[in-house]
Each structure stands twice: as C-alpha cells, then as structure tokens.
C-alpha cells in the first residue's frame, strides 16, 4: 500500500461509516452514538492529515507500515464480506487507531 492507496482506503471506510447499517448498530444498542460519531470524525481528520502531509514524509511512513496497514484493511474487508457490521466497525476503529498512532509518532498529528 502506498500513501494514495491508504488515503483511498480510508476514504472508502469513511463512506462506509456513514451508511445506515452503522447507524443501526446504535439503535440495536451495540455501540453508543458518540462512539460512532467519534469514529466518523476521527476518520475525516486522519484523511485530512494524510492529504496535507508532504508526499515524501507520508510515503516513507506508509511504506514502513505497509504490511500492518494492509492487514488492517484486509480485516475490514473480511468483516464486510461476512456482513458483520459490528466487526467491520471495530476493524475500522482499530485501523484508525493504528494510523493515528503512527501519525502522532511521526509528529504529523497530535
């Protein structure tokens, strides 16, 4: 995965998180509304941070963590194929947490 790929993956995840079936997780009591809203906002912020980071810096960072990022994306996609919206939501949270952590360690975001 490269930086453009990561941005595209996270843009897709962001679009997914705004679909009705994720809202259904709240109505069914699986997650709280603020947890869903916070995850949606985090995804938007991470994408914005990726887009404003100089290409060379982000490309090296993504390259370094390629296998882990790819695995997180694969986990998200596997949950989607299994039609497991709660598992998909948790996979998105884990990926976003990982990306946020590496961006923070690189001094890209706080």
PDB file of N, CA and C in Angstrom:
ATOM      1  N   UNK A   1       0.850  -1.174   0.000  1.00  0.00           N
ATOM      2  CA  UNK A   1       0.000   0.000   0.000  1.00  0.00           C
ATOM      3  C   UNK A   1       0.895   1.236   0.000  1.00  0.00           C
ATOM      4  N   UNK A   2       0.514   2.221  -0.785  1.00  0.00           N
ATOM      5  CA  UNK A   2       1.231   3.486  -0.755  1.00  0.00           C
ATOM      6  C   UNK A   2       0.324   4.552  -0.130  1.00  0.00           C
ATOM      7  N   UNK A   3       0.819   5.785  -0.052  1.00  0.00           N
ATOM      8  CA  UNK A   3       0.061   6.849   0.604  1.00  0.00           C
ATOM      9  C   UNK A   3      -1.274   7.119  -0.098  1.00  0.00           C
ATOM     10  N   UNK A   4      -1.260   7.124  -1.419  1.00  0.00           N
ATOM     11  CA  UNK A   4      -2.513   7.337  -2.160  1.00  0.00           C
ATOM     12  C   UNK A   4      -3.487   6.198  -1.887  1.00  0.00           C
ATOM     13  N   UNK A   5      -2.965   4.982  -1.813  1.00  0.00           N
ATOM     14  CA  UNK A   5      -3.807   3.829  -1.503  1.00  0.00           C
ATOM     15  C   UNK A   5      -4.403   3.916  -0.119  1.00  0.00           C
ATOM     16  N   UNK A   6      -3.596   4.340   0.851  1.00  0.00           N
ATOM     17  CA  UNK A   6      -4.099   4.487   2.223  1.00  0.00           C
ATOM     18  C   UNK A   6      -5.197   5.539   2.276  1.00  0.00           C
ATOM     19  N   UNK A   7      -4.979   6.652   1.605  1.00  0.00           N
ATOM     20  CA  UNK A   7      -5.998   7.705   1.580  1.00  0.00           C
ATOM     21  C   UNK A   7      -7.279   7.189   0.929  1.00  0.00           C
ATOM     22  N   UNK A   8      -7.148   6.436  -0.147  1.00  0.00           N
ATOM     23  CA  UNK A   8      -8.322   5.871  -0.822  1.00  0.00           C
ATOM     24  C   UNK A   8      -9.038   4.870   0.078  1.00  0.00           C
ATOM     25  N   UNK A   9      -8.272   4.023   0.763  1.00  0.00           N
ATOM     26  CA  UNK A   9      -8.868   3.037   1.679  1.00  0.00           C
ATOM     27  C   UNK A   9      -9.644   3.756   2.780  1.00  0.00           C
ATOM     28  N   UNK A  10      -9.025   4.762   3.381  1.00  0.00           N
ATOM     29  CA  UNK A  10      -9.691   5.478   4.472  1.00  0.00           C
ATOM     30  C   UNK A  10     -10.888   6.286   3.981  1.00  0.00           C
ATOM     31  N   UNK A  11     -10.826   6.780   2.762  1.00  0.00           N
ATOM     32  CA  UNK A  11     -11.976   7.479   2.181  1.00  0.00           C
ATOM     33  C   UNK A  11     -13.139   6.502   2.006  1.00  0.00           C
ATOM     34  N   UNK A  12     -12.825   5.285   1.574  1.00  0.00           N
ATOM     35  CA  UNK A  12     -13.856   4.247   1.462  1.00  0.00           C
ATOM     36  C   UNK A  12     -14.427   3.863   2.814  1.00  0.00           C
ATOM     37  N   UNK A  13     -13.566   3.750   3.803  1.00  0.00           N
ATOM     38  CA  UNK A  13     -14.034   3.431   5.157  1.00  0.00           C
ATOM     39  C   UNK A  13     -14.922   4.551   5.672  1.00  0.00           C
ATOM     40  N   UNK A  14     -14.527   5.790   5.414  1.00  0.00           N
ATOM     41  CA  UNK A  14     -15.335   6.936   5.850  1.00  0.00           C
ATOM     42  C   UNK A  14     -16.727   6.886   5.221  1.00  0.00           C
ATOM     43  N   UNK A  15     -16.783   6.579   3.940  1.00  0.00           N
ATOM     44  CA  UNK A  15     -18.079   6.473   3.264  1.00  0.00           C
ATOM     45  C   UNK A  15     -18.909   5.343   3.864  1.00  0.00           C
ATOM     46  N   UNK A  16     -18.260   4.217   4.139  1.00  0.00           N
ATOM     47  CA  UNK A  16     -18.957   3.079   4.754  1.00  0.00           C
ATOM     48  C   UNK A  16     -19.523   3.459   6.118  1.00  0.00           C
ATOM     49  N   UNK A  17     -18.709   4.154   6.922  1.00  0.00           N
ATOM     50  CA  UNK A  17     -19.140   4.507   8.282  1.00  0.00           C
ATOM     51  C   UNK A  17     -20.377   5.399   8.301  1.00  0.00           C
ATOM     52  N   UNK A  18     -20.655   6.050   7.193  1.00  0.00           N
ATOM     53  CA  UNK A  18     -21.835   6.915   7.114  1.00  0.00           C
ATOM     54  C   UNK A  18     -23.057   6.205   6.549  1.00  0.00           C
ATOM     55  N   UNK A  19     -22.936   4.918   6.299  1.00  0.00           N
ATOM     56  CA  UNK A  19     -24.078   4.152   5.789  1.00  0.00           C
ATOM     57  C   UNK A  19     -25.036   3.794   6.919  1.00  0.00           C
ATOM     58  N   UNK A  20     -26.266   3.589   6.551  1.00  0.00           N
ATOM     59  CA  UNK A  20     -27.339   3.351   7.509  1.00  0.00           C
ATOM     60  C   UNK A  20     -27.070   2.169   8.436  1.00  0.00           C
ATOM     61  N   UNK A  21     -26.483   1.105   7.931  1.00  0.00           N
ATOM     62  CA  UNK A  21     -26.325  -0.071   8.776  1.00  0.00           C
ATOM     63  C   UNK A  21     -25.386   0.174   9.955  1.00  0.00           C
ATOM     64  N   UNK A  22     -24.496   1.172   9.850  1.00  0.00           N
ATOM     65  CA  UNK A  22     -23.694   1.514  11.024  1.00  0.00           C
ATOM     66  C   UNK A  22     -24.540   2.272  12.038  1.00  0.00           C
ATOM     67  N   UNK A  23     -25.469   3.091  11.553  1.00  0.00           N
ATOM     68  CA  UNK A  23     -26.420   3.747  12.463  1.00  0.00           C
ATOM     69  C   UNK A  23     -27.293   2.731  13.165  1.00  0.00           C
ATOM     70  N   UNK A  24     -27.574   1.630  12.478  1.00  0.00           N
ATOM     71  CA  UNK A  24     -28.369   0.561  13.092  1.00  0.00           C
ATOM     72  C   UNK A  24     -27.647  -0.060  14.293  1.00  0.00           C
ATOM     73  N   UNK A  25     -26.330  -0.016  14.295  1.00  0.00           N
ATOM     74  CA  UNK A  25     -25.586  -0.535  15.454  1.00  0.00           C
ATOM     75  C   UNK A  25     -25.944   0.244  16.713  1.00  0.00           C
ATOM     76  N   UNK A  26     -26.214   1.533  16.539  1.00  0.00           N
ATOM     77  CA  UNK A  26     -26.613   2.373  17.674  1.00  0.00           C
ATOM     78  C   UNK A  26     -28.025   2.006  18.116  1.00  0.00           C
ATOM     79  N   UNK A  27     -28.938   1.925  17.160  1.00  0.00           N
ATOM     80  CA  UNK A  27     -30.329   1.636  17.518  1.00  0.00           C
ATOM     81  C   UNK A  27     -30.492   0.245  18.129  1.00  0.00           C
ATOM     82  N   UNK A  28     -29.588  -0.664  17.775  1.00  0.00           N
ATOM     83  CA  UNK A  28     -29.627  -2.011  18.354  1.00  0.00           C
ATOM     84  C   UNK A  28     -28.854  -2.109  19.667  1.00  0.00           C
ATOM     85  N   UNK A  29     -28.220  -1.010  20.078  1.00  0.00           N
ATOM     86  CA  UNK A  29     -27.509  -0.984  21.350  1.00  0.00           C
ATOM     87  C   UNK A  29     -26.119  -1.596  21.334  1.00  0.00           C
ATOM     88  N   UNK A  30     -25.565  -1.832  20.141  1.00  0.00           N
ATOM     89  CA  UNK A  30     -24.230  -2.420  20.055  1.00  0.00           C
ATOM     90  C   UNK A  30     -23.127  -1.399  20.321  1.00  0.00           C
ATOM     91  N   UNK A  31     -23.359  -0.154  19.924  1.00  0.00           N
ATOM     92  CA  UNK A  31     -22.422   0.936  20.185  1.00  0.00           C
ATOM     93  C   UNK A  31     -23.229   2.174  20.565  1.00  0.00           C
ATOM     94  N   UNK A  32     -22.560   3.101  21.208  1.00  0.00           N
ATOM     95  CA  UNK A  32     -23.199   4.376  21.576  1.00  0.00           C
ATOM     96  C   UNK A  32     -23.078   5.347  20.407  1.00  0.00           C
ATOM     97  N   UNK A  33     -24.004   6.286  20.332  1.00  0.00           N
ATOM     98  CA  UNK A  33     -23.987   7.273  19.252  1.00  0.00           C
ATOM     99  C   UNK A  33     -22.687   8.068  19.253  1.00  0.00           C
ATOM    100  N   UNK A  34     -22.201   8.450  20.435  1.00  0.00           N
ATOM    101  CA  UNK A  34     -20.965   9.236  20.469  1.00  0.00           C
ATOM    102  C   UNK A  34     -19.755   8.430  20.013  1.00  0.00           C
ATOM    103  N   UNK A  35     -19.779   7.113  20.201  1.00  0.00           N
ATOM    104  CA  UNK A  35     -18.695   6.268  19.707  1.00  0.00           C
ATOM    105  C   UNK A  35     -18.698   6.247  18.176  1.00  0.00           C
ATOM    106  N   UNK A  36     -19.873   6.108  17.599  1.00  0.00           N
ATOM    107  CA  UNK A  36     -19.990   6.124  16.137  1.00  0.00           C
ATOM    108  C   UNK A  36     -19.586   7.490  15.590  1.00  0.00           C
ATOM    109  N   UNK A  37     -20.105   8.556  16.195  1.00  0.00           N
ATOM    110  CA  UNK A  37     -19.776   9.906  15.736  1.00  0.00           C
ATOM    111  C   UNK A  37     -18.282  10.183  15.863  1.00  0.00           C
ATOM    112  N   UNK A  38     -17.685   9.774  16.975  1.00  0.00           N
ATOM    113  CA  UNK A  38     -16.258   9.984  17.185  1.00  0.00           C
ATOM    114  C   UNK A  38     -15.409   9.236  16.174  1.00  0.00           C
ATOM    115  N   UNK A  39     -15.810   8.029  15.838  1.00  0.00           N
ATOM    116  CA  UNK A  39     -15.073   7.241  14.851  1.00  0.00           C
ATOM    117  C   UNK A  39     -15.188   7.884  13.472  1.00  0.00           C
ATOM    118  N   UNK A  40     -16.374   8.361  13.142  1.00  0.00           N
ATOM    119  CA  UNK A  40     -16.561   9.046  11.863  1.00  0.00           C
ATOM    120  C   UNK A  40     -15.682  10.292  11.780  1.00  0.00           C
ATOM    121  N   UNK A  41     -15.668  11.079  12.858  1.00  0.00           N
ATOM    122  CA  UNK A  41     -14.867  12.312  12.880  1.00  0.00           C
ATOM    123  C   UNK A  41     -13.378  12.009  12.825  1.00  0.00           C
ATOM    124  N   UNK A  42     -12.946  10.985  13.536  1.00  0.00           N
ATOM    125  CA  UNK A  42     -11.538  10.603  13.509  1.00  0.00           C
ATOM    126  C   UNK A  42     -11.117  10.232  12.095  1.00  0.00           C
ATOM    127  N   UNK A  43     -11.944   9.501  11.401  1.00  0.00           N
ATOM    128  CA  UNK A  43     -11.627   9.095  10.034  1.00  0.00           C
ATOM    129  C   UNK A  43     -11.442  10.320   9.141  1.00  0.00           C
ATOM    130  N   UNK A  44     -12.328  11.283   9.252  1.00  0.00           N
ATOM    131  CA  UNK A  44     -12.238  12.509   8.453  1.00  0.00           C
ATOM    132  C   UNK A  44     -10.955  13.271   8.789  1.00  0.00           C
ATOM    133  N   UNK A  45     -10.621  13.355  10.080  1.00  0.00           N
ATOM    134  CA  UNK A  45      -9.406  14.072  10.496  1.00  0.00           C
ATOM    135  C   UNK A  45      -8.139  13.377  10.001  1.00  0.00           C
ATOM    136  N   UNK A  46      -8.117  12.061  10.084  1.00  0.00           N
ATOM    137  CA  UNK A  46      -6.941  11.312   9.630  1.00  0.00           C
ATOM    138  C   UNK A  46      -6.745  11.501   8.128  1.00  0.00           C
ATOM    139  N   UNK A  47      -7.825  11.443   7.368  1.00  0.00           N
ATOM    140  CA  UNK A  47      -7.731  11.659   5.915  1.00  0.00           C
ATOM    141  C   UNK A  47      -7.190  13.062   5.629  1.00  0.00           C
ATOM    142  N   UNK A  48      -7.700  14.059   6.341  1.00  0.00           N
ATOM    143  CA  UNK A  48      -7.223  15.436   6.146  1.00  0.00           C
ATOM    144  C   UNK A  48      -5.738  15.551   6.475  1.00  0.00           C
ATOM    145  N   UNK A  49      -5.308  14.898   7.550  1.00  0.00           N
ATOM    146  CA  UNK A  49      -3.888  14.923   7.920  1.00  0.00           C
ATOM    147  C   UNK A  49      -3.027  14.267   6.849  1.00  0.00           C
ATOM    148  N   UNK A  50      -3.498  13.146   6.312  1.00  0.00           N
ATOM    149  CA  UNK A  50      -2.748  12.464   5.250  1.00  0.00           C
ATOM    150  C   UNK A  50      -2.612  13.350   4.019  1.00  0.00           C
ATOM    151  N   UNK A  51      -3.684  14.032   3.667  1.00  0.00           N
ATOM    152  CA  UNK A  51      -3.676  14.870   2.467  1.00  0.00           C
ATOM    153  C   UNK A  51      -2.769  16.083   2.599  1.00  0.00           C
ATOM    154  N   UNK A  52      -2.606  16.608   3.801  1.00  0.00           N
ATOM    155  CA  UNK A  52      -1.783  17.808   3.960  1.00  0.00           C
ATOM    156  C   UNK A  52      -0.316  17.503   4.298  1.00  0.00           C
ATOM    157  N   UNK A  53       0.014  16.238   4.498  1.00  0.00           N
ATOM    158  CA  UNK A  53       1.380  15.860   4.822  1.00  0.00           C
ATOM    159  C   UNK A  53       2.217  15.791   3.555  1.00  0.00           C
ATOM    160  N   UNK A  54       3.433  16.326   3.596  1.00  0.00           N
ATOM    161  CA  UNK A  54       4.298  16.248   2.405  1.00  0.00           C
ATOM    162  C   UNK A  54       4.432  14.812   1.913  1.00  0.00           C
ATOM    163  N   UNK A  55       4.367  14.651   0.607  1.00  0.00           N
ATOM    164  CA  UNK A  55       4.351  13.334  -0.021  1.00  0.00           C
ATOM    165  C   UNK A  55       5.508  12.447   0.440  1.00  0.00           C
ATOM    166  N   UNK A  56       6.709  12.963   0.445  1.00  0.00           N
ATOM    167  CA  UNK A  56       7.869  12.156   0.817  1.00  0.00           C
ATOM    168  C   UNK A  56       7.794  11.622   2.234  1.00  0.00           C
ATOM    169  N   UNK A  57       7.304  12.444   3.135  1.00  0.00           N
ATOM    170  CA  UNK A  57       7.212  12.023   4.533  1.00  0.00           C
ATOM    171  C   UNK A  57       6.152  10.947   4.717  1.00  0.00           C
ATOM    172  N   UNK A  58       5.005  11.138   4.120  1.00  0.00           N
ATOM    173  CA  UNK A  58       3.929  10.176   4.311  1.00  0.00           C
ATOM    174  C   UNK A  58       4.194   8.894   3.533  1.00  0.00           C
ATOM    175  N   UNK A  59       4.801   9.015   2.368  1.00  0.00           N
ATOM    176  CA  UNK A  59       5.072   7.823   1.571  1.00  0.00           C
ATOM    177  C   UNK A  59       6.034   6.887   2.301  1.00  0.00           C
ATOM    178  N   UNK A  60       7.069   7.448   2.901  1.00  0.00           N
ATOM    179  CA  UNK A  60       8.031   6.632   3.659  1.00  0.00           C
ATOM    180  C   UNK A  60       7.354   5.980   4.855  1.00  0.00           C
ATOM    181  N   UNK A  61       6.484   6.709   5.510  1.00  0.00           N
ATOM    182  CA  UNK A  61       5.780   6.191   6.682  1.00  0.00           C
ATOM    183  C   UNK A  61       4.843   5.051   6.301  1.00  0.00           C
ATOM    184  N   UNK A  62       4.084   5.240   5.254  1.00  0.00           N
ATOM    185  CA  UNK A  62       3.153   4.206   4.798  1.00  0.00           C
ATOM    186  C   UNK A  62       3.933   2.978   4.328  1.00  0.00           C
ATOM    187  N   UNK A  63       5.016   3.204   3.626  1.00  0.00           N
ATOM    188  CA  UNK A  63       5.839   2.096   3.158  1.00  0.00           C
ATOM    189  C   UNK A  63       6.372   1.270   4.333  1.00  0.00           C
ATOM    190  N   UNK A  64       6.796   1.950   5.377  1.00  0.00           N
ATOM    191  CA  UNK A  64       7.332   1.269   6.555  1.00  0.00           C
ATOM    192  C   UNK A  64       6.282   0.370   7.214  1.00  0.00           C
ATOM    193  N   UNK A  65       5.034   0.818   7.234  1.00  0.00           N
ATOM    194  CA  UNK A  65       3.959   0.076   7.900  1.00  0.00           C
ATOM    195  C   UNK A  65       3.031  -0.628   6.918  1.00  0.00           C
ATOM    196  N   UNK A  66       3.482  -0.812   5.694  1.00  0.00           N
ATOM    197  CA  UNK A  66       2.650  -1.384   4.641  1.00  0.00           C
ATOM    198  C   UNK A  66       1.967  -2.682   5.041  1.00  0.00           C
ATOM    199  N   UNK A  67       2.708  -3.631   5.571  1.00  0.00           N
ATOM    200  CA  UNK A  67       2.106  -4.944   5.851  1.00  0.00           C
ATOM    201  C   UNK A  67       1.030  -4.849   6.929  1.00  0.00           C
ATOM    202  N   UNK A  68       1.258  -4.027   7.939  1.00  0.00           N
ATOM    203  CA  UNK A  68       0.262  -3.889   9.011  1.00  0.00           C
ATOM    204  C   UNK A  68      -0.973  -3.154   8.493  1.00  0.00           C
ATOM    205  N   UNK A  69      -0.765  -2.099   7.728  1.00  0.00           N
ATOM    206  CA  UNK A  69      -1.892  -1.355   7.164  1.00  0.00           C
ATOM    207  C   UNK A  69      -2.714  -2.234   6.231  1.00  0.00           C
ATOM    208  N   UNK A  70      -2.022  -3.021   5.429  1.00  0.00           N
ATOM    209  CA  UNK A  70      -2.712  -3.930   4.513  1.00  0.00           C
ATOM    210  C   UNK A  70      -3.521  -4.956   5.296  1.00  0.00           C
ATOM    211  N   UNK A  71      -2.954  -5.479   6.362  1.00  0.00           N
ATOM    212  CA  UNK A  71      -3.678  -6.459   7.181  1.00  0.00           C
ATOM    213  C   UNK A  71      -4.926  -5.840   7.812  1.00  0.00           C
ATOM    214  N   UNK A  72      -4.808  -4.608   8.301  1.00  0.00           N
ATOM    215  CA  UNK A  72      -5.982  -3.937   8.874  1.00  0.00           C
ATOM    216  C   UNK A  72      -7.062  -3.740   7.813  1.00  0.00           C
ATOM    217  N   UNK A  73      -6.655  -3.358   6.619  1.00  0.00           N
ATOM    218  CA  UNK A  73      -7.628  -3.206   5.538  1.00  0.00           C
ATOM    219  C   UNK A  73      -8.258  -4.550   5.188  1.00  0.00           C
ATOM    220  N   UNK A  74      -7.453  -5.596   5.143  1.00  0.00           N
ATOM    221  CA  UNK A  74      -7.985  -6.929   4.857  1.00  0.00           C
ATOM    222  C   UNK A  74      -8.993  -7.367   5.919  1.00  0.00           C
ATOM    223  N   UNK A  75      -8.709  -7.054   7.175  1.00  0.00           N
ATOM    224  CA  UNK A  75      -9.638  -7.385   8.263  1.00  0.00           C
ATOM    225  C   UNK A  75     -10.973  -6.662   8.072  1.00  0.00           C
ATOM    226  N   UNK A  76     -10.892  -5.374   7.740  1.00  0.00           N
ATOM    227  CA  UNK A  76     -12.105  -4.583   7.495  1.00  0.00           C
ATOM    228  C   UNK A  76     -12.915  -5.194   6.362  1.00  0.00           C
ATOM    229  N   UNK A  77     -12.239  -5.534   5.270  1.00  0.00           N
ATOM    230  CA  UNK A  77     -12.920  -6.102   4.111  1.00  0.00           C
ATOM    231  C   UNK A  77     -13.506  -7.483   4.413  1.00  0.00           C
ATOM    232  N   UNK A  78     -12.803  -8.275   5.205  1.00  0.00           N
ATOM    233  CA  UNK A  78     -13.312  -9.604   5.570  1.00  0.00           C
ATOM    234  C   UNK A  78     -14.600  -9.470   6.381  1.00  0.00           C
ATOM    235  N   UNK A  79     -14.645  -8.513   7.276  1.00  0.00           N
ATOM    236  CA  UNK A  79     -15.861  -8.290   8.074  1.00  0.00           C
ATOM    237  C   UNK A  79     -16.996  -7.799   7.179  1.00  0.00           C
ATOM    238  N   UNK A  80     -16.655  -6.997   6.187  1.00  0.00           N
ATOM    239  CA  UNK A  80     -17.673  -6.514   5.256  1.00  0.00           C
ATOM    240  C   UNK A  80     -18.239  -7.679   4.445  1.00  0.00           C
ATOM    241  N   UNK A  81     -17.352  -8.533   3.942  1.00  0.00           N
ATOM    242  CA  UNK A  81     -17.816  -9.690   3.164  1.00  0.00           C
ATOM    243  C   UNK A  81     -18.649 -10.640   4.021  1.00  0.00           C
ATOM    244  N   UNK A  82     -18.331 -10.722   5.302  1.00  0.00           N
ATOM    245  CA  UNK A  82     -19.083 -11.587   6.213  1.00  0.00           C
ATOM    246  C   UNK A  82     -20.400 -10.934   6.650  1.00  0.00           C
ATOM    247  N   UNK A  83     -20.629  -9.703   6.175  1.00  0.00           N
ATOM    248  CA  UNK A  83     -21.839  -8.961   6.539  1.00  0.00           C
ATOM    249  C   UNK A  83     -21.938  -8.753   8.048  1.00  0.00           C
ATOM    250  N   UNK A  84     -20.787  -8.548   8.671  1.00  0.00           N
ATOM    251  CA  UNK A  84     -20.686  -8.340  10.112  1.00  0.00           C
ATOM    252  C   UNK A  84     -20.397  -6.867  10.368  1.00  0.00           C
ATOM    253  N   UNK A  85     -21.444  -6.057  10.451  1.00  0.00           N
ATOM    254  CA  UNK A  85     -21.249  -4.612  10.586  1.00  0.00           C
ATOM    255  C   UNK A  85     -20.561  -4.242  11.896  1.00  0.00           C
ATOM    256  N   UNK A  86     -20.828  -4.960  12.983  1.00  0.00           N
ATOM    257  CA  UNK A  86     -20.148  -4.664  14.240  1.00  0.00           C
ATOM    258  C   UNK A  86     -18.659  -4.994  14.126  1.00  0.00           C
ATOM    259  N   UNK A  87     -18.335  -6.129  13.535  1.00  0.00           N
ATOM    260  CA  UNK A  87     -16.931  -6.485  13.315  1.00  0.00           C
ATOM    261  C   UNK A  87     -16.247  -5.509  12.380  1.00  0.00           C
ATOM    262  N   UNK A  88     -16.962  -5.060  11.379  1.00  0.00           N
ATOM    263  CA  UNK A  88     -16.433  -4.089  10.431  1.00  0.00           C
ATOM    264  C   UNK A  88     -16.167  -2.765  11.140  1.00  0.00           C
ATOM    265  N   UNK A  89     -17.084  -2.355  12.000  1.00  0.00           N
ATOM    266  CA  UNK A  89     -16.920  -1.119  12.767  1.00  0.00           C
ATOM    267  C   UNK A  89     -15.680  -1.210  13.652  1.00  0.00           C
ATOM    268  N   UNK A  90     -15.533  -2.331  14.352  1.00  0.00           N
ATOM    269  CA  UNK A  90     -14.371  -2.499  15.219  1.00  0.00           C
ATOM    270  C   UNK A  90     -13.077  -2.554  14.417  1.00  0.00           C
ATOM    271  N   UNK A  91     -13.098  -3.187  13.255  1.00  0.00           N
ATOM    272  CA  UNK A  91     -11.913  -3.227  12.391  1.00  0.00           C
ATOM    273  C   UNK A  91     -11.542  -1.816  11.939  1.00  0.00           C
ATOM    274  N   UNK A  92     -12.540  -0.996  11.626  1.00  0.00           N
ATOM    275  CA  UNK A  92     -12.285   0.396  11.239  1.00  0.00           C
ATOM    276  C   UNK A  92     -11.670   1.160  12.406  1.00  0.00           C
ATOM    277  N   UNK A  93     -12.198   0.972  13.606  1.00  0.00           N
ATOM    278  CA  UNK A  93     -11.656   1.649  14.782  1.00  0.00           C
ATOM    279  C   UNK A  93     -10.196   1.265  15.014  1.00  0.00           C
ATOM    280  N   UNK A  94      -9.895  -0.009  14.877  1.00  0.00           N
ATOM    281  CA  UNK A  94      -8.529  -0.477  15.092  1.00  0.00           C
ATOM    282  C   UNK A  94      -7.591   0.136  14.049  1.00  0.00           C
ATOM    283  N   UNK A  95      -8.003   0.122  12.798  1.00  0.00           N
ATOM    284  CA  UNK A  95      -7.162   0.696  11.745  1.00  0.00           C
ATOM    285  C   UNK A  95      -6.956   2.187  11.971  1.00  0.00           C
ATOM    286  N   UNK A  96      -8.014   2.897  12.292  1.00  0.00           N
ATOM    287  CA  UNK A  96      -7.899   4.339  12.527  1.00  0.00           C
ATOM    288  C   UNK A  96      -7.010   4.630  13.732  1.00  0.00           C
ATOM    289  N   UNK A  97      -7.120   3.818  14.764  1.00  0.00           N
ATOM    290  CA  UNK A  97      -6.257   3.986  15.928  1.00  0.00           C
ATOM    291  C   UNK A  97      -4.799   3.771  15.574  1.00  0.00           C
ATOM    292  N   UNK A  98      -4.534   2.744  14.771  1.00  0.00           N
ATOM    293  CA  UNK A  98      -3.169   2.463  14.357  1.00  0.00           C
ATOM    294  C   UNK A  98      -2.612   3.607  13.511  1.00  0.00           C
ATOM    295  N   UNK A  99      -3.380   4.046  12.533  1.00  0.00           N
ATOM    296  CA  UNK A  99      -2.928   5.141  11.666  1.00  0.00           C
ATOM    297  C   UNK A  99      -2.718   6.408  12.494  1.00  0.00           C
ATOM    298  N   UNK A 100      -3.623   6.701  13.397  1.00  0.00           N
ATOM    299  CA  UNK A 100      -3.471   7.883  14.261  1.00  0.00           C
ATOM    300  C   UNK A 100      -2.203   7.805  15.084  1.00  0.00           C
ATOM    301  N   UNK A 101      -1.915   6.631  15.612  1.00  0.00           N
ATOM    302  CA  UNK A 101      -0.727   6.446  16.432  1.00  0.00           C
ATOM    303  C   UNK A 101       0.550   6.660  15.619  1.00  0.00           C
ATOM    304  N   UNK A 102       0.617   6.095  14.429  1.00  0.00           N
ATOM    305  CA  UNK A 102       1.845   6.272  13.652  1.00  0.00           C
ATOM    306  C   UNK A 102       1.986   7.721  13.172  1.00  0.00           C
ATOM    307  N   UNK A 103       0.880   8.379  12.890  1.00  0.00           N
ATOM    308  CA  UNK A 103       0.954   9.784  12.506  1.00  0.00           C
ATOM    309  C   UNK A 103       1.416  10.634  13.693  1.00  0.00           C
ATOM    310  N   UNK A 104       0.944  10.320  14.877  1.00  0.00           N
ATOM    311  CA  UNK A 104       1.364  11.059  16.079  1.00  0.00           C
ATOM    312  C   UNK A 104       2.840  10.827  16.362  1.00  0.00           C
ATOM    313  N   UNK A 105       3.294   9.581  16.255  1.00  0.00           N
ATOM    314  CA  UNK A 105       4.707   9.281  16.494  1.00  0.00           C
ATOM    315  C   UNK A 105       5.612   9.970  15.475  1.00  0.00           C
ATOM    316  N   UNK A 106       5.103  10.184  14.289  1.00  0.00           N
ATOM    317  CA  UNK A 106       5.872  10.858  13.240  1.00  0.00           C
ATOM    318  C   UNK A 106       5.761  12.374  13.358  1.00  0.00           C
ATOM    319  N   UNK A 107       4.975  12.859  14.324  1.00  0.00           N
ATOM    320  CA  UNK A 107       4.812  14.293  14.518  1.00  0.00           C
ATOM    321  C   UNK A 107       3.884  14.949  13.515  1.00  0.00           C
ATOM    322  N   UNK A 108       3.065  14.133  12.860  1.00  0.00           N
ATOM    323  CA  UNK A 108       2.148  14.651  11.844  1.00  0.00           C
ATOM    324  C   UNK A 108       0.842  15.129  12.462  1.00  0.00           C
ATOM    325  N   UNK A 109       0.416  14.463  13.506  1.00  0.00           N
ATOM    326  CA  UNK A 109      -0.808  14.886  14.186  1.00  0.00           C
ATOM    327  C   UNK A 109      -0.640  14.686  15.681  1.00  0.00           C
ATOM    328  N   UNK A 110      -1.435  15.425  16.427  1.00  0.00           N
ATOM    329  CA  UNK A 110      -1.354  15.353  17.896  1.00  0.00           C
ATOM    330  C   UNK A 110      -2.340  14.373  18.444  1.00  0.00           C
TER     331      UNK A 110
END
